[in-house]
Amino acid sequence: MPPFAVEVHPLAADEAEAAERWYRERNETAAARFRRELDRACKG
């Protein structure tokens, strides 16, 4: 399957960053996993 472009609404990007910070305050591993899955989902 060929890659495709994903456009992220600025408010969604802000929310994802806030969620990552929330995870990081509680657990560094969880934050890294959250970011990895978010990146994977956006790459398609």
C-alpha atoms as a PDB file:
ATOM      1  CA  MET A   1       0.000   0.000   0.000  1.00  0.00           C
ATOM      2  CA  PRO A   2       1.513   3.345  -0.994  1.00  0.00           C
ATOM      3  CA  PRO A   3       2.034   5.961   1.720  1.00  0.00           C
ATOM      4  CA  PHE A   4      -0.411   8.818   1.937  1.00  0.00           C
ATOM      5  CA  ALA A   5      -0.304  12.302   3.380  1.00  0.00           C
ATOM      6  CA  VAL A   6      -2.030  12.958   6.670  1.00  0.00           C
ATOM      7  CA  GLU A   7      -3.110  16.460   7.546  1.00  0.00           C
ATOM      8  CA  VAL A   8      -3.427  17.113  11.253  1.00  0.00           C
ATOM      9  CA  HIS A   9      -5.621  19.924  12.479  1.00  0.00           C
ATOM     10  CA  PRO A  10      -3.600  22.307  14.678  1.00  0.00           C
ATOM     11  CA  LEU A  11      -5.910  21.723  17.649  1.00  0.00           C
ATOM     12  CA  ALA A  12      -5.501  17.960  17.269  1.00  0.00           C
ATOM     13  CA  ALA A  13      -1.722  18.379  17.252  1.00  0.00           C
ATOM     14  CA  ASP A  14      -1.947  20.481  20.426  1.00  0.00           C
ATOM     15  CA  GLU A  15      -4.118  17.832  22.062  1.00  0.00           C
ATOM     16  CA  ALA A  16      -1.695  15.053  21.118  1.00  0.00           C
ATOM     17  CA  GLU A  17       1.207  17.019  22.596  1.00  0.00           C
ATOM     18  CA  ALA A  18      -0.768  17.616  25.790  1.00  0.00           C
ATOM     19  CA  ALA A  19      -1.592  13.920  26.016  1.00  0.00           C
ATOM     20  CA  GLU A  20       2.050  12.994  25.559  1.00  0.00           C
ATOM     21  CA  ARG A  21       3.037  15.414  28.353  1.00  0.00           C
ATOM     22  CA  TRP A  22       0.335  13.906  30.590  1.00  0.00           C
ATOM     23  CA  TYR A  23       1.712  10.411  29.975  1.00  0.00           C
ATOM     24  CA  ARG A  24       5.312  11.587  30.462  1.00  0.00           C
ATOM     25  CA  GLU A  25       4.471  13.102  33.874  1.00  0.00           C
ATOM     26  CA  ARG A  26       3.239   9.692  34.953  1.00  0.00           C
ATOM     27  CA  ASN A  27       5.382   7.222  33.046  1.00  0.00           C
ATOM     28  CA  GLU A  28       8.171   7.810  30.514  1.00  0.00           C
ATOM     29  CA  THR A  29       7.655   4.407  28.889  1.00  0.00           C
ATOM     30  CA  ALA A  30       3.948   5.040  28.390  1.00  0.00           C
ATOM     31  CA  ALA A  31       4.732   8.416  26.809  1.00  0.00           C
ATOM     32  CA  ALA A  32       7.201   6.846  24.389  1.00  0.00           C
ATOM     33  CA  ARG A  33       4.710   4.152  23.451  1.00  0.00           C
ATOM     34  CA  PHE A  34       1.974   6.737  22.964  1.00  0.00           C
ATOM     35  CA  ARG A  35       4.204   8.758  20.614  1.00  0.00           C
ATOM     36  CA  ARG A  36       5.303   5.659  18.715  1.00  0.00           C
ATOM     37  CA  GLU A  37       1.709   4.553  18.127  1.00  0.00           C
ATOM     38  CA  LEU A  38       0.620   8.037  17.146  1.00  0.00           C
ATOM     39  CA  ASP A  39       3.465   8.255  14.633  1.00  0.00           C
ATOM     40  CA  ARG A  40       2.659   4.780  13.304  1.00  0.00           C
ATOM     41  CA  ALA A  41      -1.021   5.639  12.869  1.00  0.00           C
ATOM     42  CA  CYS A  42      -0.195   8.825  10.975  1.00  0.00           C
ATOM     43  CA  LYS A  43       2.186   7.049   8.618  1.00  0.00           C
ATOM     44  CA  GLY A  44      -0.590   4.700   7.557  1.00  0.00           C
END
